[in-house]
């Protein structure tokens, strides 16, 4: 069921989104060669709590997961696209690190993700990161009342394909606000005009995920998802409100 948020709720979501954006900015500064992903997660959780918010991922159990998620963030490395739990893995030069975080502020949920290249990652990896980031902004442009969900996916997919990369077809964006995941499903591909129509007051997480060569992922024993062919991946995400003035990015 698609939910509609009130202007007051969108204002609170924007407050929470600003907190999440600031947390991710601070955390990105700490993502360097030689630190563990568990350290990064601990820093992120500490920052979220310092703002009077709570991490929304911790204890959450997606339908396809074997157990509740154990941490505040998903920190996915290289060919792992999403949902990789923090560990004692030491981040190294050349890694492509995706950090996905969500929080609850005044009872409402926001979600955001960024990808960071560590040191000299090579031209192709850097281009992948830049392309997926651009595709997020292309998708956001279409988050307007009266447009269809397929318009967003088409814009994302077109942007990624132009650079020779591949969107992940079996991972998606989603509604957000009252819970970590809500309807509707936001595919990263589609046909213009297809799917449900966006309405003013809808809040969605648009999150392009793409790789160098694999359009599908497999689930690993830790409930994370990795590219089928072990190719590098990138992931960006914003929480976006559909308003009478167009798309409003809440996580900035």
C-alpha atoms as a PDB file:
ATOM      1  CA  UNK A   1       0.000   0.000   0.000  1.00  0.00           C
ATOM      2  CA  UNK A   2       1.355   3.390  -1.018  1.00  0.00           C
ATOM      3  CA  UNK A   3       1.192   5.986   1.746  1.00  0.00           C
ATOM      4  CA  UNK A   4       0.881   9.749   1.445  1.00  0.00           C
ATOM      5  CA  UNK A   5       2.782  11.945   3.875  1.00  0.00           C
ATOM      6  CA  UNK A   6       1.434  15.271   5.106  1.00  0.00           C
ATOM      7  CA  UNK A   7       3.370  18.536   4.634  1.00  0.00           C
ATOM      8  CA  UNK A   8       4.177  18.438   8.354  1.00  0.00           C
ATOM      9  CA  UNK A   9       5.552  14.906   8.047  1.00  0.00           C
ATOM     10  CA  UNK A  10       7.623  15.866   5.023  1.00  0.00           C
ATOM     11  CA  UNK A  11       9.086  18.745   7.032  1.00  0.00           C
ATOM     12  CA  UNK A  12      10.097  16.310   9.792  1.00  0.00           C
ATOM     13  CA  UNK A  13      11.502  13.913   7.199  1.00  0.00           C
ATOM     14  CA  UNK A  14      13.550  16.781   5.819  1.00  0.00           C
ATOM     15  CA  UNK A  15      14.937  17.466   9.296  1.00  0.00           C
ATOM     16  CA  UNK A  16      15.875  13.810   9.670  1.00  0.00           C
ATOM     17  CA  UNK A  17      17.270  13.730   6.156  1.00  0.00           C
ATOM     18  CA  UNK A  18      19.557  16.672   6.884  1.00  0.00           C
ATOM     19  CA  UNK A  19      20.889  14.828   9.920  1.00  0.00           C
ATOM     20  CA  UNK A  20      21.533  11.713   7.843  1.00  0.00           C
ATOM     21  CA  UNK A  21      23.291  13.746   5.153  1.00  0.00           C
ATOM     22  CA  UNK A  22      25.565  15.353   7.736  1.00  0.00           C
ATOM     23  CA  UNK A  23      26.320  11.968   9.303  1.00  0.00           C
ATOM     24  CA  UNK A  24      27.301  10.513   5.923  1.00  0.00           C
ATOM     25  CA  UNK A  25      29.484  13.528   5.144  1.00  0.00           C
ATOM     26  CA  UNK A  26      31.377  13.005   8.397  1.00  0.00           C
ATOM     27  CA  UNK A  27      31.617   9.259   7.909  1.00  0.00           C
ATOM     28  CA  UNK A  28      33.000   9.627   4.380  1.00  0.00           C
ATOM     29  CA  UNK A  29      35.956  11.554   5.811  1.00  0.00           C
ATOM     30  CA  UNK A  30      36.825   8.513   7.930  1.00  0.00           C
ATOM     31  CA  UNK A  31      36.627   5.943   5.130  1.00  0.00           C
ATOM     32  CA  UNK A  32      40.318   5.494   4.424  1.00  0.00           C
ATOM     33  CA  UNK A  33      42.792   2.712   3.870  1.00  0.00           C
ATOM     34  CA  UNK A  34      43.636   0.935   7.121  1.00  0.00           C
ATOM     35  CA  UNK A  35      40.344   1.242   9.023  1.00  0.00           C
ATOM     36  CA  UNK A  36      37.844  -1.559   9.532  1.00  0.00           C
ATOM     37  CA  UNK A  37      34.268  -1.450   8.343  1.00  0.00           C
ATOM     38  CA  UNK A  38      33.219  -2.125  11.946  1.00  0.00           C
ATOM     39  CA  UNK A  39      34.955   1.087  13.010  1.00  0.00           C
ATOM     40  CA  UNK A  40      33.098   3.042  10.321  1.00  0.00           C
ATOM     41  CA  UNK A  41      29.801   1.545  11.454  1.00  0.00           C
ATOM     42  CA  UNK A  42      30.475   2.439  15.081  1.00  0.00           C
ATOM     43  CA  UNK A  43      31.269   6.012  14.116  1.00  0.00           C
ATOM     44  CA  UNK A  44      28.082   6.273  12.066  1.00  0.00           C
ATOM     45  CA  UNK A  45      25.915   4.940  14.884  1.00  0.00           C
ATOM     46  CA  UNK A  46      27.531   7.273  17.405  1.00  0.00           C
ATOM     47  CA  UNK A  47      26.862  10.267  15.159  1.00  0.00           C
ATOM     48  CA  UNK A  48      23.240   9.273  14.529  1.00  0.00           C
ATOM     49  CA  UNK A  49      22.604   8.944  18.262  1.00  0.00           C
ATOM     50  CA  UNK A  50      24.314  12.284  18.962  1.00  0.00           C
ATOM     51  CA  UNK A  51      21.602  14.032  16.930  1.00  0.00           C
ATOM     52  CA  UNK A  52      18.806  12.427  18.933  1.00  0.00           C
ATOM     53  CA  UNK A  53      17.987   9.974  16.142  1.00  0.00           C
ATOM     54  CA  UNK A  54      18.165   6.174  16.010  1.00  0.00           C
ATOM     55  CA  UNK A  55      19.675   3.868  13.376  1.00  0.00           C
ATOM     56  CA  UNK A  56      16.796   2.309  11.456  1.00  0.00           C
ATOM     57  CA  UNK A  57      18.647  -0.695  10.031  1.00  0.00           C
ATOM     58  CA  UNK A  58      19.756  -2.174  13.350  1.00  0.00           C
ATOM     59  CA  UNK A  59      17.432  -5.040  14.257  1.00  0.00           C
ATOM     60  CA  UNK A  60      15.455  -4.708  11.011  1.00  0.00           C
ATOM     61  CA  UNK A  61      14.764  -7.934   9.146  1.00  0.00           C
ATOM     62  CA  UNK A  62      13.972  -7.726   5.430  1.00  0.00           C
ATOM     63  CA  UNK A  63      11.676 -10.434   4.085  1.00  0.00           C
ATOM     64  CA  UNK A  64      14.540 -12.190   2.305  1.00  0.00           C
ATOM     65  CA  UNK A  65      16.961 -12.106   5.263  1.00  0.00           C
ATOM     66  CA  UNK A  66      17.723 -15.059   7.511  1.00  0.00           C
ATOM     67  CA  UNK A  67      18.044 -12.916  10.642  1.00  0.00           C
ATOM     68  CA  UNK A  68      17.667  -9.305  11.836  1.00  0.00           C
ATOM     69  CA  UNK A  69      20.347  -6.920  10.626  1.00  0.00           C
ATOM     70  CA  UNK A  70      23.079  -6.463  13.271  1.00  0.00           C
ATOM     71  CA  UNK A  71      24.386  -2.968  12.576  1.00  0.00           C
ATOM     72  CA  UNK A  72      23.598   0.678  11.863  1.00  0.00           C
ATOM     73  CA  UNK A  73      25.043   0.626   8.362  1.00  0.00           C
ATOM     74  CA  UNK A  74      25.585  -1.603   5.363  1.00  0.00           C
ATOM     75  CA  UNK A  75      29.198  -1.290   4.202  1.00  0.00           C
ATOM     76  CA  UNK A  76      29.573  -3.237   0.979  1.00  0.00           C
ATOM     77  CA  UNK A  77      32.955  -3.723  -0.661  1.00  0.00           C
ATOM     78  CA  UNK A  78      33.805  -4.019  -4.369  1.00  0.00           C
ATOM     79  CA  UNK A  79      31.591  -6.717  -5.971  1.00  0.00           C
ATOM     80  CA  UNK A  80      29.219  -6.757  -2.984  1.00  0.00           C
ATOM     81  CA  UNK A  81      26.449  -4.319  -3.876  1.00  0.00           C
ATOM     82  CA  UNK A  82      24.353  -3.965  -0.705  1.00  0.00           C
ATOM     83  CA  UNK A  83      23.564  -5.280   2.783  1.00  0.00           C
ATOM     84  CA  UNK A  84      27.091  -6.331   3.762  1.00  0.00           C
ATOM     85  CA  UNK A  85      27.375  -6.231   7.583  1.00  0.00           C
ATOM     86  CA  UNK A  86      30.350  -4.408   9.117  1.00  0.00           C
ATOM     87  CA  UNK A  87      33.237  -6.642  10.173  1.00  0.00           C
ATOM     88  CA  UNK A  88      36.952  -6.646  10.917  1.00  0.00           C
ATOM     89  CA  UNK A  89      37.628  -6.260   7.189  1.00  0.00           C
ATOM     90  CA  UNK A  90      40.344  -3.628   6.745  1.00  0.00           C
ATOM     91  CA  UNK A  91      39.617  -1.172   3.940  1.00  0.00           C
ATOM     92  CA  UNK A  92      42.441  -1.116   1.389  1.00  0.00           C
ATOM     93  CA  UNK A  93      43.770   1.037  -1.405  1.00  0.00           C
ATOM     94  CA  UNK A  94      41.728   0.380  -4.542  1.00  0.00           C
ATOM     95  CA  UNK A  95      38.536  -0.676  -2.751  1.00  0.00           C
ATOM     96  CA  UNK A  96      35.141   0.589  -3.873  1.00  0.00           C
ATOM     97  CA  UNK A  97      33.156   1.113  -0.673  1.00  0.00           C
ATOM     98  CA  UNK A  98      29.391   1.542  -0.548  1.00  0.00           C
ATOM     99  CA  UNK A  99      27.912   2.858   2.698  1.00  0.00           C
ATOM    100  CA  UNK A 100      24.134   2.730   3.131  1.00  0.00           C
ATOM    101  CA  UNK A 101      22.555   4.185   6.273  1.00  0.00           C
ATOM    102  CA  UNK A 102      19.095   4.981   7.564  1.00  0.00           C
ATOM    103  CA  UNK A 103      17.738   6.663  10.647  1.00  0.00           C
ATOM    104  CA  UNK A 104      14.554   7.283  12.584  1.00  0.00           C
ATOM    105  CA  UNK A 105      13.952  10.874  13.642  1.00  0.00           C
ATOM    106  CA  UNK A 106      10.773  11.848  15.468  1.00  0.00           C
ATOM    107  CA  UNK A 107       9.235   8.551  14.368  1.00  0.00           C
ATOM    108  CA  UNK A 108       9.968   8.938  10.650  1.00  0.00           C
ATOM    109  CA  UNK A 109      12.493   7.103   8.469  1.00  0.00           C
ATOM    110  CA  UNK A 110      15.023   8.353   5.927  1.00  0.00           C
ATOM    111  CA  UNK A 111      17.572   6.407   3.882  1.00  0.00           C
ATOM    112  CA  UNK A 112      20.674   7.360   1.901  1.00  0.00           C
ATOM    113  CA  UNK A 113      23.769   5.778   0.368  1.00  0.00           C
ATOM    114  CA  UNK A 114      27.053   6.838  -1.207  1.00  0.00           C
ATOM    115  CA  UNK A 115      29.981   5.102  -2.889  1.00  0.00           C
ATOM    116  CA  UNK A 116      33.594   6.021  -2.153  1.00  0.00           C
ATOM    117  CA  UNK A 117      36.707   4.970  -4.059  1.00  0.00           C
ATOM    118  CA  UNK A 118      39.805   4.467  -1.911  1.00  0.00           C
ATOM    119  CA  UNK A 119      42.935   5.937  -3.447  1.00  0.00           C
ATOM    120  CA  UNK A 120      43.820   4.887  -6.984  1.00  0.00           C
ATOM    121  CA  UNK A 121      40.846   2.784  -8.065  1.00  0.00           C
ATOM    122  CA  UNK A 122      41.405   2.976 -11.796  1.00  0.00           C
ATOM    123  CA  UNK A 123      39.598   4.772 -14.586  1.00  0.00           C
ATOM    124  CA  UNK A 124      36.781   2.257 -15.121  1.00  0.00           C
ATOM    125  CA  UNK A 125      35.851   2.072 -11.435  1.00  0.00           C
ATOM    126  CA  UNK A 126      35.881   5.854 -11.115  1.00  0.00           C
ATOM    127  CA  UNK A 127      33.705   6.212 -14.201  1.00  0.00           C
ATOM    128  CA  UNK A 128      31.275   3.646 -12.775  1.00  0.00           C
ATOM    129  CA  UNK A 129      30.952   5.621  -9.538  1.00  0.00           C
ATOM    130  CA  UNK A 130      30.454   8.911 -11.383  1.00  0.00           C
ATOM    131  CA  UNK A 131      27.882   7.350 -13.712  1.00  0.00           C
ATOM    132  CA  UNK A 132      25.772   5.817 -10.947  1.00  0.00           C
ATOM    133  CA  UNK A 133      25.831   9.105  -9.032  1.00  0.00           C
ATOM    134  CA  UNK A 134      24.690  10.945 -12.155  1.00  0.00           C
ATOM    135  CA  UNK A 135      21.960   8.364 -12.785  1.00  0.00           C
ATOM    136  CA  UNK A 136      20.529   9.075  -9.328  1.00  0.00           C
ATOM    137  CA  UNK A 137      20.119  12.739 -10.219  1.00  0.00           C
ATOM    138  CA  UNK A 138      18.614  11.823 -13.585  1.00  0.00           C
ATOM    139  CA  UNK A 139      16.062   9.611 -11.838  1.00  0.00           C
ATOM    140  CA  UNK A 140      15.220  12.273  -9.264  1.00  0.00           C
ATOM    141  CA  UNK A 141      14.302  14.736 -12.036  1.00  0.00           C
ATOM    142  CA  UNK A 142      11.334  12.496 -12.895  1.00  0.00           C
ATOM    143  CA  UNK A 143       9.963  12.201  -9.329  1.00  0.00           C
ATOM    144  CA  UNK A 144       7.076  14.536 -10.122  1.00  0.00           C
ATOM    145  CA  UNK A 145       3.364  14.232  -9.496  1.00  0.00           C
ATOM    146  CA  UNK A 146       1.689  12.721 -12.553  1.00  0.00           C
ATOM    147  CA  UNK A 147       4.804  10.959 -13.775  1.00  0.00           C
ATOM    148  CA  UNK A 148       5.026   7.180 -13.601  1.00  0.00           C
ATOM    149  CA  UNK A 149       7.428   5.003 -11.637  1.00  0.00           C
ATOM    150  CA  UNK A 150       8.730   3.715 -14.966  1.00  0.00           C
ATOM    151  CA  UNK A 151       9.885   7.213 -15.890  1.00  0.00           C
ATOM    152  CA  UNK A 152      12.372   7.130 -13.013  1.00  0.00           C
ATOM    153  CA  UNK A 153      13.695   3.680 -13.871  1.00  0.00           C
ATOM    154  CA  UNK A 154      13.999   4.509 -17.556  1.00  0.00           C
ATOM    155  CA  UNK A 155      16.048   7.632 -16.795  1.00  0.00           C
ATOM    156  CA  UNK A 156      18.381   5.725 -14.474  1.00  0.00           C
ATOM    157  CA  UNK A 157      18.889   2.840 -16.893  1.00  0.00           C
ATOM    158  CA  UNK A 158      19.463   5.101 -19.887  1.00  0.00           C
ATOM    159  CA  UNK A 159      22.144   7.061 -18.040  1.00  0.00           C
ATOM    160  CA  UNK A 160      23.955   3.900 -16.941  1.00  0.00           C
ATOM    161  CA  UNK A 161      23.748   2.208 -20.352  1.00  0.00           C
ATOM    162  CA  UNK A 162      25.192   5.235 -22.131  1.00  0.00           C
ATOM    163  CA  UNK A 163      28.486   4.641 -20.356  1.00  0.00           C
ATOM    164  CA  UNK A 164      28.476   0.904 -21.019  1.00  0.00           C
ATOM    165  CA  UNK A 165      27.543  -0.210 -17.503  1.00  0.00           C
ATOM    166  CA  UNK A 166      24.645  -2.364 -16.301  1.00  0.00           C
ATOM    167  CA  UNK A 167      21.938  -1.653 -13.703  1.00  0.00           C
ATOM    168  CA  UNK A 168      21.197  -4.354 -11.156  1.00  0.00           C
ATOM    169  CA  UNK A 169      17.738  -5.565 -12.101  1.00  0.00           C
ATOM    170  CA  UNK A 170      16.857  -7.596  -9.007  1.00  0.00           C
ATOM    171  CA  UNK A 171      17.564  -4.888  -6.428  1.00  0.00           C
ATOM    172  CA  UNK A 172      15.281  -1.873  -6.161  1.00  0.00           C
ATOM    173  CA  UNK A 173      14.410   1.390  -4.500  1.00  0.00           C
ATOM    174  CA  UNK A 174      11.270   1.704  -2.400  1.00  0.00           C
ATOM    175  CA  UNK A 175       8.838   3.869  -0.536  1.00  0.00           C
ATOM    176  CA  UNK A 176      10.007   5.138   2.846  1.00  0.00           C
ATOM    177  CA  UNK A 177       8.857   7.318   5.729  1.00  0.00           C
ATOM    178  CA  UNK A 178       6.792   5.229   8.120  1.00  0.00           C
ATOM    179  CA  UNK A 179       9.110   2.199   7.832  1.00  0.00           C
ATOM    180  CA  UNK A 180      12.479   1.181   6.385  1.00  0.00           C
ATOM    181  CA  UNK A 181      10.773  -0.276   3.307  1.00  0.00           C
ATOM    182  CA  UNK A 182       7.324   0.642   1.990  1.00  0.00           C
ATOM    183  CA  UNK A 183       5.501   0.438  -1.308  1.00  0.00           C
ATOM    184  CA  UNK A 184       6.025   1.215  -4.118  1.00  0.00           C
ATOM    185  CA  UNK A 185       8.958  -0.700  -5.560  1.00  0.00           C
ATOM    186  CA  UNK A 186      11.205   1.639  -7.568  1.00  0.00           C
ATOM    187  CA  UNK A 187      12.939  -0.301 -10.336  1.00  0.00           C
ATOM    188  CA  UNK A 188      16.170   1.001 -11.838  1.00  0.00           C
ATOM    189  CA  UNK A 189      14.885   0.260 -15.320  1.00  0.00           C
ATOM    190  CA  UNK A 190      11.502   0.575 -16.991  1.00  0.00           C
ATOM    191  CA  UNK A 191       9.419   2.029 -19.766  1.00  0.00           C
ATOM    192  CA  UNK A 192       8.283   5.656 -19.795  1.00  0.00           C
ATOM    193  CA  UNK A 193       4.707   5.914 -18.553  1.00  0.00           C
ATOM    194  CA  UNK A 194       4.666   2.436 -17.005  1.00  0.00           C
ATOM    195  CA  UNK A 195       3.776   1.589 -13.425  1.00  0.00           C
ATOM    196  CA  UNK A 196       1.839   3.551 -10.851  1.00  0.00           C
ATOM    197  CA  UNK A 197       1.539   7.319 -11.053  1.00  0.00           C
ATOM    198  CA  UNK A 198       3.399   9.451  -8.548  1.00  0.00           C
ATOM    199  CA  UNK A 199       1.255  11.585  -6.269  1.00  0.00           C
ATOM    200  CA  UNK A 200       2.023  14.654  -4.218  1.00  0.00           C
ATOM    201  CA  UNK A 201       3.001  13.523  -0.714  1.00  0.00           C
ATOM    202  CA  UNK A 202       4.677  10.278  -1.753  1.00  0.00           C
ATOM    203  CA  UNK A 203       8.157   9.766  -0.296  1.00  0.00           C
ATOM    204  CA  UNK A 204      10.479   7.355  -2.070  1.00  0.00           C
ATOM    205  CA  UNK A 205      14.053   6.118  -1.838  1.00  0.00           C
ATOM    206  CA  UNK A 206      15.595   6.273  -5.290  1.00  0.00           C
ATOM    207  CA  UNK A 207      18.735   4.132  -5.298  1.00  0.00           C
ATOM    208  CA  UNK A 208      20.525   3.221  -8.511  1.00  0.00           C
ATOM    209  CA  UNK A 209      22.783   0.187  -8.207  1.00  0.00           C
ATOM    210  CA  UNK A 210      24.933  -0.811 -11.158  1.00  0.00           C
ATOM    211  CA  UNK A 211      28.027  -2.797 -12.019  1.00  0.00           C
ATOM    212  CA  UNK A 212      30.638  -3.022 -14.704  1.00  0.00           C
ATOM    213  CA  UNK A 213      29.125  -6.116 -16.312  1.00  0.00           C
ATOM    214  CA  UNK A 214      26.507  -7.946 -14.206  1.00  0.00           C
ATOM    215  CA  UNK A 215      22.807  -7.113 -14.172  1.00  0.00           C
ATOM    216  CA  UNK A 216      21.955  -9.622 -11.459  1.00  0.00           C
ATOM    217  CA  UNK A 217      23.106 -10.392  -7.935  1.00  0.00           C
ATOM    218  CA  UNK A 218      23.312 -13.464  -5.737  1.00  0.00           C
ATOM    219  CA  UNK A 219      22.628 -13.601  -2.002  1.00  0.00           C
ATOM    220  CA  UNK A 220      25.651 -14.503   0.120  1.00  0.00           C
ATOM    221  CA  UNK A 221      25.565 -16.378   3.458  1.00  0.00           C
ATOM    222  CA  UNK A 222      25.688 -13.098   5.422  1.00  0.00           C
ATOM    223  CA  UNK A 223      22.522 -11.878   3.596  1.00  0.00           C
ATOM    224  CA  UNK A 224      24.474  -9.406   1.467  1.00  0.00           C
ATOM    225  CA  UNK A 225      24.119  -9.300  -2.322  1.00  0.00           C
ATOM    226  CA  UNK A 226      27.038  -9.537  -4.740  1.00  0.00           C
ATOM    227  CA  UNK A 227      27.297  -9.286  -8.500  1.00  0.00           C
ATOM    228  CA  UNK A 228      26.896 -12.623 -10.232  1.00  0.00           C
ATOM    229  CA  UNK A 229      30.233 -12.313 -12.024  1.00  0.00           C
ATOM    230  CA  UNK A 230      32.166 -10.563  -9.202  1.00  0.00           C
ATOM    231  CA  UNK A 231      32.366  -7.312 -11.152  1.00  0.00           C
ATOM    232  CA  UNK A 232      32.714  -4.006  -9.302  1.00  0.00           C
ATOM    233  CA  UNK A 233      29.518  -2.227  -8.298  1.00  0.00           C
ATOM    234  CA  UNK A 234      28.379   1.211  -7.141  1.00  0.00           C
ATOM    235  CA  UNK A 235      25.319   2.472  -5.257  1.00  0.00           C
ATOM    236  CA  UNK A 236      23.870   5.899  -4.511  1.00  0.00           C
ATOM    237  CA  UNK A 237      20.589   6.766  -2.806  1.00  0.00           C
ATOM    238  CA  UNK A 238      18.472   9.725  -1.725  1.00  0.00           C
ATOM    239  CA  UNK A 239      15.124   9.977   0.018  1.00  0.00           C
ATOM    240  CA  UNK A 240      12.885  12.157  -2.153  1.00  0.00           C
ATOM    241  CA  UNK A 241       9.463  13.722  -1.545  1.00  0.00           C
ATOM    242  CA  UNK A 242       7.047  14.357  -4.400  1.00  0.00           C
ATOM    243  CA  UNK A 243       5.734  17.900  -3.867  1.00  0.00           C
ATOM    244  CA  UNK A 244       3.621  20.425  -5.734  1.00  0.00           C
ATOM    245  CA  UNK A 245       6.865  22.167  -6.702  1.00  0.00           C
ATOM    246  CA  UNK A 246       8.567  19.027  -7.977  1.00  0.00           C
ATOM    247  CA  UNK A 247      11.001  16.567  -6.396  1.00  0.00           C
ATOM    248  CA  UNK A 248      12.364  17.569  -2.987  1.00  0.00           C
ATOM    249  CA  UNK A 249      15.547  15.741  -1.996  1.00  0.00           C
ATOM    250  CA  UNK A 250      15.320  15.240   1.759  1.00  0.00           C
ATOM    251  CA  UNK A 251      18.742  13.719   2.441  1.00  0.00           C
ATOM    252  CA  UNK A 252      20.935  16.751   1.709  1.00  0.00           C
END
